[in-house]
Amino acid sequence: MSSGLLRRLGEQLGLFDDAPAGGAEAGAARHQVWLGGQRLPYELTRARRRSIGFAVGPEGLRVRAPRWVSVADIEAALGARADWILRQLQVQQQRRHQQELLRIQWGEGAELPYLGRMLRLVRGVDAQQALEREALLHLPLPEAATEAQWRDLTQAWLQAQARVHFTERLAHYAAKLGVAPPRLRLSSAKGRWGSASSSGVVSLNWRLMHFSPVLIDYVVAHEVAHLREMNHGPDFWALVSTLQPGYESAREALKRAQLPGF
């Protein structure tokens, strides 16, 4: 991708405009409850429902309850599930810690994996030529570029590379299977690397570009096999094995793979 096209892409994304992005979420009521000998915050939302529901996520403990249920009854229900809630909060804390270790500090010199090797970000003119010479990605950014500008232009570049790489690999495996190359849709769905529809559209997560070509090929072969077998039965896995012999090691490696934090 030429520097001019990359810059135009950045301008279309608003990367050279310092206007802040806003938006605030209307909040639920904040409360605290004693669980396991410690005081824990939680968000309480009153909703049209018949029972108390709660979930533990990255934002912490969230509770949805009917308007007629008292806070005392809600906290009694939380107490009855205290062990589960505390375990889930610990899992979320461990995930946040792992994400912090993987988080990219966006700016000059930041590093991220690309096709299984580390790529360093620098300001420059021609991204593609620099990449071919050494493991550097030159991005046409101003000296005062913000972290968000570094991140957004890098992601735009990664998505452009993903479209080229995935299209070629889809064509490769479609030919091996004897089917027409499927239409490609880039995805950013969390926790899902790919999917295939009966209409012949394959969705692939652009963040696969962080992984080695072998892992990418496994996902591509997997989705191309779905063009024949829209299930995960024995015939499907036989097709995957035909397209990528020894796919099992790639599948296991993908399960253990960790993405950098964005």
C-alpha atoms as a PDB file:
ATOM      1  CA  MET A   1       0.000   0.000   0.000  1.00  0.00           C
ATOM      2  CA  SER A   2       1.503   3.349  -1.040  1.00  0.00           C
ATOM      3  CA  SER A   3       2.045   6.136   1.488  1.00  0.00           C
ATOM      4  CA  GLY A   4      -0.477   8.353  -0.348  1.00  0.00           C
ATOM      5  CA  LEU A   5      -3.198   5.723  -0.165  1.00  0.00           C
ATOM      6  CA  LEU A   6      -2.381   5.028   3.469  1.00  0.00           C
ATOM      7  CA  ARG A   7      -2.577   8.735   4.287  1.00  0.00           C
ATOM      8  CA  ARG A   8      -5.923   9.070   2.475  1.00  0.00           C
ATOM      9  CA  LEU A   9      -7.183   6.094   4.443  1.00  0.00           C
ATOM     10  CA  GLY A  10      -6.045   7.763   7.648  1.00  0.00           C
ATOM     11  CA  GLU A  11      -7.766  11.020   6.682  1.00  0.00           C
ATOM     12  CA  GLN A  12     -10.985   9.134   5.956  1.00  0.00           C
ATOM     13  CA  LEU A  13     -10.754   7.645   9.429  1.00  0.00           C
ATOM     14  CA  GLY A  14     -10.233  11.101  10.923  1.00  0.00           C
ATOM     15  CA  LEU A  15      -6.748  10.278  12.200  1.00  0.00           C
ATOM     16  CA  PHE A  16      -5.399  13.744  11.419  1.00  0.00           C
ATOM     17  CA  ASP A  17      -8.192  15.542  13.226  1.00  0.00           C
ATOM     18  CA  ASP A  18      -7.639  16.258  16.908  1.00  0.00           C
ATOM     19  CA  ALA A  19     -11.356  16.605  17.655  1.00  0.00           C
ATOM     20  CA  PRO A  20     -12.150  14.436  20.691  1.00  0.00           C
ATOM     21  CA  ALA A  21     -14.627  11.620  20.527  1.00  0.00           C
ATOM     22  CA  GLY A  22     -17.263  11.702  23.198  1.00  0.00           C
ATOM     23  CA  GLY A  23     -20.070   9.659  24.584  1.00  0.00           C
ATOM     24  CA  ALA A  24     -21.182   8.692  28.062  1.00  0.00           C
ATOM     25  CA  GLU A  25     -23.208   5.722  29.137  1.00  0.00           C
ATOM     26  CA  ALA A  26     -26.296   6.329  31.196  1.00  0.00           C
ATOM     27  CA  GLY A  27     -25.494   4.688  34.506  1.00  0.00           C
ATOM     28  CA  ALA A  28     -27.182   2.228  36.784  1.00  0.00           C
ATOM     29  CA  ALA A  29     -27.220   2.861  40.529  1.00  0.00           C
ATOM     30  CA  ARG A  30     -23.985   2.033  42.325  1.00  0.00           C
ATOM     31  CA  HIS A  31     -24.175  -0.116  45.463  1.00  0.00           C
ATOM     32  CA  GLN A  32     -21.856  -2.142  47.675  1.00  0.00           C
ATOM     33  CA  VAL A  33     -22.351  -5.554  49.234  1.00  0.00           C
ATOM     34  CA  TRP A  34     -20.389  -7.660  51.721  1.00  0.00           C
ATOM     35  CA  LEU A  35     -19.310 -10.936  50.103  1.00  0.00           C
ATOM     36  CA  GLY A  36     -16.669 -13.271  51.470  1.00  0.00           C
ATOM     37  CA  GLY A  37     -15.581 -10.793  54.106  1.00  0.00           C
ATOM     38  CA  GLN A  38     -15.015  -7.949  51.660  1.00  0.00           C
ATOM     39  CA  ARG A  39     -17.075  -5.045  50.431  1.00  0.00           C
ATOM     40  CA  LEU A  40     -17.671  -5.270  46.679  1.00  0.00           C
ATOM     41  CA  PRO A  41     -19.200  -2.615  44.418  1.00  0.00           C
ATOM     42  CA  TYR A  42     -21.939  -3.534  41.985  1.00  0.00           C
ATOM     43  CA  GLU A  43     -24.242  -1.809  39.526  1.00  0.00           C
ATOM     44  CA  LEU A  44     -27.967  -2.243  40.010  1.00  0.00           C
ATOM     45  CA  THR A  45     -30.398  -1.715  37.150  1.00  0.00           C
ATOM     46  CA  ARG A  46     -34.125  -1.928  37.667  1.00  0.00           C
ATOM     47  CA  ALA A  47     -35.780  -3.715  34.779  1.00  0.00           C
ATOM     48  CA  ARG A  48     -39.026  -5.287  33.671  1.00  0.00           C
ATOM     49  CA  ARG A  49     -38.262  -8.848  34.647  1.00  0.00           C
ATOM     50  CA  ARG A  50     -39.575 -11.450  37.066  1.00  0.00           C
ATOM     51  CA  SER A  51     -36.369 -12.480  38.774  1.00  0.00           C
ATOM     52  CA  ILE A  52     -32.976 -11.194  39.851  1.00  0.00           C
ATOM     53  CA  GLY A  53     -30.218 -11.631  37.287  1.00  0.00           C
ATOM     54  CA  PHE A  54     -26.535 -10.903  37.682  1.00  0.00           C
ATOM     55  CA  ALA A  55     -23.382 -11.184  35.628  1.00  0.00           C
ATOM     56  CA  VAL A  56     -19.661 -10.701  36.172  1.00  0.00           C
ATOM     57  CA  GLY A  57     -17.713  -9.117  33.338  1.00  0.00           C
ATOM     58  CA  PRO A  58     -14.803  -6.764  32.695  1.00  0.00           C
ATOM     59  CA  GLU A  59     -16.808  -3.939  34.297  1.00  0.00           C
ATOM     60  CA  GLY A  60     -17.383  -5.935  37.491  1.00  0.00           C
ATOM     61  CA  LEU A  61     -20.592  -7.205  39.066  1.00  0.00           C
ATOM     62  CA  ARG A  62     -23.826  -6.093  37.437  1.00  0.00           C
ATOM     63  CA  VAL A  63     -27.307  -6.848  38.719  1.00  0.00           C
ATOM     64  CA  ARG A  64     -30.701  -6.509  37.029  1.00  0.00           C
ATOM     65  CA  ALA A  65     -33.767  -6.835  39.226  1.00  0.00           C
ATOM     66  CA  PRO A  66     -37.496  -6.113  39.203  1.00  0.00           C
ATOM     67  CA  ARG A  67     -38.523  -2.755  40.633  1.00  0.00           C
ATOM     68  CA  TRP A  68     -40.477  -4.359  43.466  1.00  0.00           C
ATOM     69  CA  VAL A  69     -37.534  -6.365  44.892  1.00  0.00           C
ATOM     70  CA  SER A  70     -35.791  -4.673  47.832  1.00  0.00           C
ATOM     71  CA  VAL A  71     -32.050  -4.083  47.950  1.00  0.00           C
ATOM     72  CA  ALA A  72     -31.902  -6.350  51.012  1.00  0.00           C
ATOM     73  CA  ASP A  73     -33.441  -9.215  49.027  1.00  0.00           C
ATOM     74  CA  ILE A  74     -31.096  -8.545  46.115  1.00  0.00           C
ATOM     75  CA  GLU A  75     -28.048  -8.688  48.366  1.00  0.00           C
ATOM     76  CA  ALA A  76     -29.347 -11.849  50.024  1.00  0.00           C
ATOM     77  CA  ALA A  77     -29.509 -13.433  46.566  1.00  0.00           C
ATOM     78  CA  LEU A  78     -25.949 -12.265  45.873  1.00  0.00           C
ATOM     79  CA  GLY A  79     -24.826 -13.752  49.182  1.00  0.00           C
ATOM     80  CA  ALA A  80     -26.288 -17.109  48.215  1.00  0.00           C
ATOM     81  CA  ARG A  81     -24.058 -17.123  45.124  1.00  0.00           C
ATOM     82  CA  ALA A  82     -21.051 -15.475  46.783  1.00  0.00           C
ATOM     83  CA  ASP A  83     -18.579 -18.273  45.997  1.00  0.00           C
ATOM     84  CA  TRP A  84     -19.398 -18.210  42.282  1.00  0.00           C
ATOM     85  CA  ILE A  85     -19.316 -14.400  42.110  1.00  0.00           C
ATOM     86  CA  LEU A  86     -15.938 -14.201  43.870  1.00  0.00           C
ATOM     87  CA  ARG A  87     -14.463 -16.859  41.549  1.00  0.00           C
ATOM     88  CA  GLN A  88     -15.680 -14.983  38.485  1.00  0.00           C
ATOM     89  CA  LEU A  89     -14.287 -11.691  39.788  1.00  0.00           C
ATOM     90  CA  GLN A  90     -10.921 -13.392  40.304  1.00  0.00           C
ATOM     91  CA  VAL A  91     -11.011 -14.707  36.729  1.00  0.00           C
ATOM     92  CA  GLN A  92     -11.736 -11.186  35.454  1.00  0.00           C
ATOM     93  CA  GLN A  93      -8.864  -9.780  37.511  1.00  0.00           C
ATOM     94  CA  GLN A  94      -6.464 -12.340  36.058  1.00  0.00           C
ATOM     95  CA  ARG A  95      -7.658 -11.509  32.538  1.00  0.00           C
ATOM     96  CA  ARG A  96      -7.144  -7.789  33.125  1.00  0.00           C
ATOM     97  CA  HIS A  97      -3.634  -8.465  34.399  1.00  0.00           C
ATOM     98  CA  GLN A  98      -2.836 -10.566  31.323  1.00  0.00           C
ATOM     99  CA  GLN A  99      -4.252  -7.883  29.039  1.00  0.00           C
ATOM    100  CA  GLU A 100      -2.107  -5.246  30.707  1.00  0.00           C
ATOM    101  CA  LEU A 101       0.986  -7.366  30.070  1.00  0.00           C
ATOM    102  CA  LEU A 102       0.011  -7.616  26.394  1.00  0.00           C
ATOM    103  CA  ARG A 103      -1.173  -4.031  25.976  1.00  0.00           C
ATOM    104  CA  ILE A 104       0.590  -2.046  23.286  1.00  0.00           C
ATOM    105  CA  GLN A 105       1.921   1.379  24.251  1.00  0.00           C
ATOM    106  CA  TRP A 106       1.027   3.104  20.991  1.00  0.00           C
ATOM    107  CA  GLY A 107       3.630   5.453  19.579  1.00  0.00           C
ATOM    108  CA  GLU A 108       7.045   5.518  17.927  1.00  0.00           C
ATOM    109  CA  GLY A 109       8.861   2.264  18.630  1.00  0.00           C
ATOM    110  CA  ALA A 110       5.776   0.272  19.681  1.00  0.00           C
ATOM    111  CA  GLU A 111       5.967  -3.399  18.744  1.00  0.00           C
ATOM    112  CA  LEU A 112       3.250  -5.835  17.755  1.00  0.00           C
ATOM    113  CA  PRO A 113       3.160  -9.294  16.168  1.00  0.00           C
ATOM    114  CA  TYR A 114       2.530  -9.511  12.435  1.00  0.00           C
ATOM    115  CA  LEU A 115       2.390 -12.883  10.666  1.00  0.00           C
ATOM    116  CA  GLY A 116       4.169 -14.435  13.622  1.00  0.00           C
ATOM    117  CA  ARG A 117       7.072 -11.984  13.879  1.00  0.00           C
ATOM    118  CA  MET A 118       7.484  -8.721  15.747  1.00  0.00           C
ATOM    119  CA  LEU A 119       6.931  -5.490  13.840  1.00  0.00           C
ATOM    120  CA  ARG A 120       8.095  -2.094  15.121  1.00  0.00           C
ATOM    121  CA  LEU A 121       6.207   1.121  14.354  1.00  0.00           C
ATOM    122  CA  VAL A 122       8.082   4.206  13.146  1.00  0.00           C
ATOM    123  CA  ARG A 123       7.156   7.400  11.352  1.00  0.00           C
ATOM    124  CA  GLY A 124       8.024   7.239   7.673  1.00  0.00           C
ATOM    125  CA  VAL A 125       6.889   7.417   4.081  1.00  0.00           C
ATOM    126  CA  ASP A 126       6.377   4.063   2.370  1.00  0.00           C
ATOM    127  CA  ALA A 127       4.992   1.386   4.658  1.00  0.00           C
ATOM    128  CA  GLN A 128       5.213  -1.544   2.219  1.00  0.00           C
ATOM    129  CA  GLN A 129       8.776  -0.957   1.023  1.00  0.00           C
ATOM    130  CA  ALA A 130      10.016  -0.583   4.595  1.00  0.00           C
ATOM    131  CA  LEU A 131       8.265  -3.779   5.626  1.00  0.00           C
ATOM    132  CA  GLU A 132       9.949  -5.726   2.841  1.00  0.00           C
ATOM    133  CA  ARG A 133      13.417  -4.482   3.878  1.00  0.00           C
ATOM    134  CA  GLU A 134      13.151  -4.929   7.636  1.00  0.00           C
ATOM    135  CA  ALA A 135      10.649  -5.538  10.424  1.00  0.00           C
ATOM    136  CA  LEU A 136       9.594  -1.888  10.524  1.00  0.00           C
ATOM    137  CA  LEU A 137       6.224  -0.398   9.651  1.00  0.00           C
ATOM    138  CA  HIS A 138       6.599   3.222   8.527  1.00  0.00           C
ATOM    139  CA  LEU A 139       3.401   5.204   9.054  1.00  0.00           C
ATOM    140  CA  PRO A 140       2.789   8.706   7.652  1.00  0.00           C
ATOM    141  CA  LEU A 141       1.840  10.383  10.932  1.00  0.00           C
ATOM    142  CA  PRO A 142       2.592  13.878  12.251  1.00  0.00           C
ATOM    143  CA  GLU A 143       5.160  14.319  15.032  1.00  0.00           C
ATOM    144  CA  ALA A 144       2.442  15.173  17.528  1.00  0.00           C
ATOM    145  CA  ALA A 145       0.366  12.084  16.659  1.00  0.00           C
ATOM    146  CA  THR A 146      -1.687  10.730  19.556  1.00  0.00           C
ATOM    147  CA  GLU A 147      -1.780   7.126  20.732  1.00  0.00           C
ATOM    148  CA  ALA A 148      -5.204   6.785  19.131  1.00  0.00           C
ATOM    149  CA  GLN A 149      -3.830   7.960  15.770  1.00  0.00           C
ATOM    150  CA  TRP A 150      -0.977   5.434  15.914  1.00  0.00           C
ATOM    151  CA  ARG A 151      -3.404   2.670  16.850  1.00  0.00           C
ATOM    152  CA  ASP A 152      -6.078   3.500  14.287  1.00  0.00           C
ATOM    153  CA  LEU A 153      -3.733   3.873  11.327  1.00  0.00           C
ATOM    154  CA  THR A 154      -1.904   0.665  12.275  1.00  0.00           C
ATOM    155  CA  GLN A 155      -5.199  -1.196  12.460  1.00  0.00           C
ATOM    156  CA  ALA A 156      -6.275   0.241   9.116  1.00  0.00           C
ATOM    157  CA  TRP A 157      -3.032  -1.025   7.588  1.00  0.00           C
ATOM    158  CA  LEU A 158      -3.467  -4.441   9.201  1.00  0.00           C
ATOM    159  CA  GLN A 159      -6.995  -4.714   7.832  1.00  0.00           C
ATOM    160  CA  ALA A 160      -5.823  -3.831   4.334  1.00  0.00           C
ATOM    161  CA  GLN A 161      -3.101  -6.484   4.550  1.00  0.00           C
ATOM    162  CA  ALA A 162      -5.621  -8.989   5.917  1.00  0.00           C
ATOM    163  CA  ARG A 163      -7.908  -8.493   2.920  1.00  0.00           C
ATOM    164  CA  VAL A 164      -5.056  -9.219   0.493  1.00  0.00           C
ATOM    165  CA  HIS A 165      -3.668 -12.187   2.451  1.00  0.00           C
ATOM    166  CA  PHE A 166      -7.039 -13.800   3.197  1.00  0.00           C
ATOM    167  CA  THR A 167      -8.241 -13.436  -0.400  1.00  0.00           C
ATOM    168  CA  GLU A 168      -5.175 -15.279  -1.686  1.00  0.00           C
ATOM    169  CA  ARG A 169      -5.458 -18.080   0.893  1.00  0.00           C
ATOM    170  CA  LEU A 170      -9.195 -18.490   0.313  1.00  0.00           C
ATOM    171  CA  ALA A 171      -8.554 -18.885  -3.407  1.00  0.00           C
ATOM    172  CA  HIS A 172      -5.806 -21.434  -2.665  1.00  0.00           C
ATOM    173  CA  TYR A 173      -7.982 -23.670  -0.486  1.00  0.00           C
ATOM    174  CA  ALA A 174     -11.083 -23.246  -2.621  1.00  0.00           C
ATOM    175  CA  ALA A 175      -9.099 -24.557  -5.591  1.00  0.00           C
ATOM    176  CA  LYS A 176      -7.934 -27.558  -3.555  1.00  0.00           C
ATOM    177  CA  LEU A 177     -11.542 -28.291  -2.635  1.00  0.00           C
ATOM    178  CA  GLY A 178     -12.801 -27.686  -6.175  1.00  0.00           C
ATOM    179  CA  VAL A 179     -15.222 -24.886  -5.281  1.00  0.00           C
ATOM    180  CA  ALA A 180     -15.504 -21.268  -6.346  1.00  0.00           C
ATOM    181  CA  PRO A 181     -13.543 -18.805  -4.163  1.00  0.00           C
ATOM    182  CA  PRO A 182     -15.927 -17.525  -1.486  1.00  0.00           C
ATOM    183  CA  ARG A 183     -16.688 -13.864  -0.888  1.00  0.00           C
ATOM    184  CA  LEU A 184     -14.628 -12.444   1.963  1.00  0.00           C
ATOM    185  CA  ARG A 185     -15.914 -10.343   4.822  1.00  0.00           C
ATOM    186  CA  LEU A 186     -13.484  -8.959   7.409  1.00  0.00           C
ATOM    187  CA  SER A 187     -14.601  -9.419  10.983  1.00  0.00           C
ATOM    188  CA  SER A 188     -13.522  -8.029  14.335  1.00  0.00           C
ATOM    189  CA  ALA A 189     -15.747 -10.268  16.465  1.00  0.00           C
ATOM    190  CA  LYS A 190     -14.177 -11.005  19.819  1.00  0.00           C
ATOM    191  CA  GLY A 191     -13.631 -14.680  20.496  1.00  0.00           C
ATOM    192  CA  ARG A 192     -14.431 -15.831  16.968  1.00  0.00           C
ATOM    193  CA  TRP A 193     -11.800 -16.245  14.272  1.00  0.00           C
ATOM    194  CA  GLY A 194     -14.033 -17.107  11.358  1.00  0.00           C
ATOM    195  CA  SER A 195     -17.386 -18.270  10.073  1.00  0.00           C
ATOM    196  CA  ALA A 196     -18.927 -19.420   6.793  1.00  0.00           C
ATOM    197  CA  SER A 197     -22.445 -19.015   5.479  1.00  0.00           C
ATOM    198  CA  SER A 198     -24.430 -21.248   3.182  1.00  0.00           C
ATOM    199  CA  SER A 199     -24.526 -18.350   0.703  1.00  0.00           C
ATOM    200  CA  GLY A 200     -20.774 -18.647   0.170  1.00  0.00           C
ATOM    201  CA  VAL A 201     -19.519 -15.797   2.361  1.00  0.00           C
ATOM    202  CA  VAL A 202     -16.540 -16.414   4.639  1.00  0.00           C
ATOM    203  CA  SER A 203     -15.899 -14.022   7.526  1.00  0.00           C
ATOM    204  CA  LEU A 204     -12.358 -13.880   8.888  1.00  0.00           C
ATOM    205  CA  ASN A 205     -11.134 -11.879  11.854  1.00  0.00           C
ATOM    206  CA  TRP A 206      -8.497  -9.378  10.678  1.00  0.00           C
ATOM    207  CA  ARG A 207      -6.621  -9.850  13.977  1.00  0.00           C
ATOM    208  CA  LEU A 208      -5.518 -13.248  12.661  1.00  0.00           C
ATOM    209  CA  MET A 209      -2.769 -11.235  10.941  1.00  0.00           C
ATOM    210  CA  HIS A 210      -0.934 -11.219  14.275  1.00  0.00           C
ATOM    211  CA  PHE A 211      -0.485 -14.986  14.039  1.00  0.00           C
ATOM    212  CA  SER A 212       1.830 -17.136  11.951  1.00  0.00           C
ATOM    213  CA  PRO A 213       0.738 -18.100   8.415  1.00  0.00           C
ATOM    214  CA  VAL A 214       0.236 -21.711   9.561  1.00  0.00           C
ATOM    215  CA  LEU A 215      -2.390 -20.686  12.114  1.00  0.00           C
ATOM    216  CA  ILE A 216      -4.093 -18.399   9.608  1.00  0.00           C
ATOM    217  CA  ASP A 217      -4.178 -21.217   7.074  1.00  0.00           C
ATOM    218  CA  TYR A 218      -5.880 -23.501   9.586  1.00  0.00           C
ATOM    219  CA  VAL A 219      -8.716 -21.003  10.088  1.00  0.00           C
ATOM    220  CA  VAL A 220      -9.044 -20.420   6.338  1.00  0.00           C
ATOM    221  CA  ALA A 221      -9.056 -24.154   5.580  1.00  0.00           C
ATOM    222  CA  HIS A 222     -11.605 -24.695   8.354  1.00  0.00           C
ATOM    223  CA  GLU A 223     -14.005 -22.143   6.907  1.00  0.00           C
ATOM    224  CA  VAL A 224     -13.525 -23.283   3.312  1.00  0.00           C
ATOM    225  CA  ALA A 225     -14.378 -26.838   4.420  1.00  0.00           C
ATOM    226  CA  HIS A 226     -17.678 -25.466   5.725  1.00  0.00           C
ATOM    227  CA  LEU A 227     -18.614 -24.587   2.152  1.00  0.00           C
ATOM    228  CA  ARG A 228     -19.103 -28.334   1.681  1.00  0.00           C
ATOM    229  CA  GLU A 229     -20.019 -29.416   5.221  1.00  0.00           C
ATOM    230  CA  MET A 230     -21.944 -26.907   7.359  1.00  0.00           C
ATOM    231  CA  ASN A 231     -21.285 -28.894  10.535  1.00  0.00           C
ATOM    232  CA  HIS A 232     -18.424 -30.287  12.611  1.00  0.00           C
ATOM    233  CA  GLY A 233     -19.035 -33.957  11.917  1.00  0.00           C
ATOM    234  CA  PRO A 234     -16.490 -36.584  10.802  1.00  0.00           C
ATOM    235  CA  ASP A 235     -16.878 -35.683   7.110  1.00  0.00           C
ATOM    236  CA  PHE A 236     -16.098 -32.050   7.894  1.00  0.00           C
ATOM    237  CA  TRP A 237     -12.877 -32.849   9.759  1.00  0.00           C
ATOM    238  CA  ALA A 238     -11.858 -35.239   6.988  1.00  0.00           C
ATOM    239  CA  LEU A 239     -12.134 -32.317   4.560  1.00  0.00           C
ATOM    240  CA  VAL A 240     -10.046 -30.090   6.844  1.00  0.00           C
ATOM    241  CA  SER A 241      -7.400 -32.832   7.031  1.00  0.00           C
ATOM    242  CA  THR A 242      -7.347 -33.028   3.231  1.00  0.00           C
ATOM    243  CA  LEU A 243      -6.893 -29.265   2.944  1.00  0.00           C
ATOM    244  CA  GLN A 244      -4.347 -28.972   5.763  1.00  0.00           C
ATOM    245  CA  PRO A 245      -2.785 -32.279   6.832  1.00  0.00           C
ATOM    246  CA  GLY A 246      -1.787 -32.195  10.504  1.00  0.00           C
ATOM    247  CA  TYR A 247      -4.185 -29.349  11.254  1.00  0.00           C
ATOM    248  CA  GLU A 248      -4.559 -30.575  14.857  1.00  0.00           C
ATOM    249  CA  SER A 249      -1.339 -28.912  16.038  1.00  0.00           C
ATOM    250  CA  ALA A 250      -2.398 -25.583  14.521  1.00  0.00           C
ATOM    251  CA  ARG A 251      -5.830 -25.872  16.125  1.00  0.00           C
ATOM    252  CA  GLU A 252      -4.307 -26.437  19.568  1.00  0.00           C
ATOM    253  CA  ALA A 253      -1.818 -23.600  19.111  1.00  0.00           C
ATOM    254  CA  LEU A 254      -4.649 -21.242  18.158  1.00  0.00           C
ATOM    255  CA  LYS A 255      -6.517 -22.131  21.353  1.00  0.00           C
ATOM    256  CA  ARG A 256      -3.463 -21.078  23.396  1.00  0.00           C
ATOM    257  CA  ALA A 257      -2.658 -17.993  21.329  1.00  0.00           C
ATOM    258  CA  GLN A 258      -2.836 -14.587  23.008  1.00  0.00           C
ATOM    259  CA  LEU A 259      -3.608 -11.368  21.151  1.00  0.00           C
ATOM    260  CA  PRO A 260      -1.913  -8.053  21.967  1.00  0.00           C
ATOM    261  CA  GLY A 261      -4.107  -5.587  23.818  1.00  0.00           C
ATOM    262  CA  PHE A 262      -5.665  -2.843  21.717  1.00  0.00           C
END
